[in-house]
């Protein structure tokens, strides 16, 4: 029995040109806020079918598949992180950079291949995720600001490719 514990790294990059899993994945954010990295799934939605002749359920039809979401928060509030999650532009060179929001409030659709690796070596690979984020920036001197982000698993563009896979590594 393998145990899933702790986060080693979350890496991401563009999906492959054929729509499959990207191969050039790097750690974009890092500095993950302790206790925030979670992978959750939802149950499929279904509709109960009833008939007049009986009070018992006649059938149940699945109307929507369940979904998977990876959520985490990062203390890495940098110009590049802001651009990655919120769009806009970055001017200057590190460490003196300026991030500017998109003109007109336009939101960007960020699609990435993502891999979340546990400290035990298990890798959760997602071929295509849509990333969204919210800023949670505190000006409290005893708390760091953070960006909360969510990756929602989407259907890969490459036919016949599973949306996610789990590669079980070292067990503890």
Protein backbone atom coordinates (compact mmCIF):
# COMPACT_ATOMS: atom_id res chain seq x y z
CA UNK A 1 0.00 0.00 0.00
CA UNK A 2 1.44 3.34 -1.04
CA UNK A 3 0.99 6.42 1.05
CA UNK A 4 0.32 9.79 -0.49
CA UNK A 5 1.87 12.53 1.64
CA UNK A 6 3.54 15.89 1.28
CA UNK A 7 4.22 17.90 -1.83
CA UNK A 8 7.60 17.79 -3.54
CA UNK A 9 6.77 20.04 -6.50
CA UNK A 10 4.08 21.15 -8.91
CA UNK A 11 5.48 21.57 -12.41
CA UNK A 12 3.73 22.85 -15.51
CA UNK A 13 4.23 23.85 -19.10
CA UNK A 14 2.49 24.06 -22.44
CA UNK A 15 0.75 20.89 -23.65
CA UNK A 16 2.53 19.09 -26.50
CA UNK A 17 1.87 20.40 -30.01
CA UNK A 18 -0.12 17.22 -30.79
CA UNK A 19 -2.40 17.91 -27.79
CA UNK A 20 -0.80 15.32 -25.52
CA UNK A 21 1.09 15.72 -22.25
CA UNK A 22 3.68 18.47 -22.31
CA UNK A 23 7.28 17.40 -21.83
CA UNK A 24 8.97 20.67 -20.84
CA UNK A 25 7.46 21.11 -17.38
CA UNK A 26 9.07 23.44 -14.84
CA UNK A 27 8.22 24.63 -11.36
CA UNK A 28 6.52 27.95 -12.07
CA UNK A 29 5.27 29.01 -8.65
CA UNK A 30 6.90 27.08 -5.79
CA UNK A 31 6.58 28.47 -2.25
CA UNK A 32 3.32 26.53 -1.82
CA UNK A 33 1.44 27.61 1.29
CA UNK A 34 1.45 24.71 3.76
CA UNK A 35 -1.78 22.72 3.73
CA UNK A 36 -3.25 24.28 0.58
CA UNK A 37 -2.33 21.76 -2.15
CA UNK A 38 -5.33 19.48 -2.68
CA UNK A 39 -6.64 17.29 -5.48
CA UNK A 40 -10.39 16.77 -5.39
CA UNK A 41 -13.00 15.16 -7.58
CA UNK A 42 -16.74 15.60 -7.89
CA UNK A 43 -19.36 12.94 -8.37
CA UNK A 44 -21.04 12.63 -11.74
CA UNK A 45 -24.42 14.34 -12.02
CA UNK A 46 -27.36 12.10 -12.76
CA UNK A 47 -31.07 12.36 -13.31
CA UNK A 48 -33.51 9.91 -11.76
CA UNK A 49 -36.12 8.46 -14.11
CA UNK A 50 -39.50 7.65 -12.64
CA UNK A 51 -42.55 6.03 -14.19
CA UNK A 52 -46.25 6.19 -13.31
CA UNK A 53 -46.72 2.47 -12.70
CA UNK A 54 -44.45 2.24 -9.63
CA UNK A 55 -43.09 4.36 -6.79
CA UNK A 56 -39.66 2.79 -7.18
CA UNK A 57 -36.87 4.32 -9.23
CA UNK A 58 -37.08 3.10 -12.84
CA UNK A 59 -33.61 4.16 -14.01
CA UNK A 60 -30.87 6.71 -13.49
CA UNK A 61 -29.11 8.52 -16.33
CA UNK A 62 -25.71 10.15 -15.97
CA UNK A 63 -26.00 13.67 -17.37
CA UNK A 64 -22.55 15.04 -16.56
CA UNK A 65 -19.22 13.40 -15.80
CA UNK A 66 -17.42 14.14 -12.56
CA UNK A 67 -14.50 16.55 -12.62
CA UNK A 68 -11.04 16.84 -11.06
CA UNK A 69 -9.46 20.00 -9.63
CA UNK A 70 -6.00 20.73 -8.25
CA UNK A 71 -5.89 23.71 -5.89
CA UNK A 72 -2.99 25.37 -4.15
CA UNK A 73 -1.79 28.73 -2.90
CA UNK A 74 1.63 30.27 -3.39
CA UNK A 75 3.55 32.96 -1.55
CA UNK A 76 5.44 33.60 -4.81
CA UNK A 77 3.86 36.88 -5.84
CA UNK A 78 6.15 37.95 -8.66
CA UNK A 79 5.64 39.76 -11.96
CA UNK A 80 5.99 36.46 -13.83
CA UNK A 81 3.47 34.68 -11.56
CA UNK A 82 0.98 37.51 -12.04
CA UNK A 83 1.40 37.37 -15.82
CA UNK A 84 1.05 33.58 -15.89
CA UNK A 85 -2.20 33.57 -13.93
CA UNK A 86 -3.80 36.92 -14.73
CA UNK A 87 -2.36 37.85 -18.14
CA UNK A 88 -1.07 41.34 -18.81
CA UNK A 89 2.51 42.38 -19.41
CA UNK A 90 5.84 42.44 -17.59
CA UNK A 91 8.37 45.22 -18.10
CA UNK A 92 11.92 45.40 -16.83
CA UNK A 93 14.37 42.73 -15.72
CA UNK A 94 14.35 40.81 -12.45
CA UNK A 95 14.35 41.84 -9.71
CA UNK A 96 13.09 45.25 -10.92
CA UNK A 97 10.00 44.26 -12.85
CA UNK A 98 6.56 45.80 -13.24
CA UNK A 99 3.45 43.77 -13.93
CA UNK A 100 0.54 45.55 -15.63
CA UNK A 101 -2.96 44.09 -15.77
CA UNK A 102 -4.60 43.41 -19.13
CA UNK A 103 -6.22 46.49 -20.66
CA UNK A 104 -9.99 46.43 -20.38
CA UNK A 105 -10.03 43.68 -17.74
CA UNK A 106 -9.63 40.95 -20.33
CA UNK A 107 -9.05 37.58 -18.70
CA UNK A 108 -6.70 35.04 -20.17
CA UNK A 109 -7.38 31.35 -20.69
CA UNK A 110 -4.31 29.56 -19.36
CA UNK A 111 -4.07 25.91 -20.43
CA UNK A 112 -1.14 23.90 -19.10
CA UNK A 113 0.06 20.34 -18.68
CA UNK A 114 0.61 19.89 -14.95
CA UNK A 115 2.39 17.33 -12.79
CA UNK A 116 2.10 17.23 -9.00
CA UNK A 117 4.72 15.04 -7.32
CA UNK A 118 4.47 13.91 -3.72
CA UNK A 119 7.39 13.54 -1.35
CA UNK A 120 6.89 9.78 -1.66
CA UNK A 121 7.51 9.91 -5.43
CA UNK A 122 3.95 9.50 -6.72
CA UNK A 123 3.20 11.73 -9.72
CA UNK A 124 -0.23 12.99 -10.66
CA UNK A 125 -0.08 13.99 -14.34
CA UNK A 126 -2.73 16.13 -16.01
CA UNK A 127 -2.53 16.53 -19.79
CA UNK A 128 -4.55 19.75 -19.97
CA UNK A 129 -5.70 21.97 -17.12
CA UNK A 130 -7.36 25.37 -17.19
CA UNK A 131 -5.75 27.58 -14.54
CA UNK A 132 -7.62 30.34 -12.74
CA UNK A 133 -6.52 32.40 -9.75
CA UNK A 134 -7.48 34.95 -7.14
CA UNK A 135 -5.19 37.29 -5.27
CA UNK A 136 -5.33 37.10 -1.49
CA UNK A 137 -2.82 39.78 -0.57
CA UNK A 138 -2.63 40.74 3.07
CA UNK A 139 -0.95 43.92 4.26
CA UNK A 140 -0.76 42.46 7.76
CA UNK A 141 2.81 42.55 9.09
CA UNK A 142 2.37 39.05 10.53
CA UNK A 143 1.03 37.38 7.36
CA UNK A 144 2.32 36.97 3.82
CA UNK A 145 0.19 37.71 0.80
CA UNK A 146 -0.63 34.77 -1.45
CA UNK A 147 -2.21 33.81 -4.74
CA UNK A 148 -4.79 31.04 -4.64
CA UNK A 149 -5.00 29.08 -7.89
CA UNK A 150 -7.09 26.25 -9.28
CA UNK A 151 -6.37 23.88 -12.14
CA UNK A 152 -9.43 22.18 -13.60
CA UNK A 153 -8.81 19.02 -15.66
CA UNK A 154 -10.01 19.37 -19.26
CA UNK A 155 -10.32 16.87 -22.10
CA UNK A 156 -6.98 16.62 -23.95
CA UNK A 157 -6.85 17.82 -27.56
CA UNK A 158 -5.10 14.59 -28.59
CA UNK A 159 -7.63 11.86 -29.41
CA UNK A 160 -7.52 8.73 -27.29
CA UNK A 161 -5.47 10.36 -24.53
CA UNK A 162 -6.58 9.98 -20.92
CA UNK A 163 -7.01 13.33 -19.15
CA UNK A 164 -4.89 12.24 -16.18
CA UNK A 165 -2.67 9.48 -14.92
CA UNK A 166 -1.07 8.55 -11.60
CA UNK A 167 2.45 7.13 -11.61
CA UNK A 168 3.02 5.39 -8.29
CA UNK A 169 6.57 5.81 -7.06
CA UNK A 170 8.38 5.07 -3.87
CA UNK A 171 6.22 3.84 -1.01
CA UNK A 172 6.75 4.64 2.62
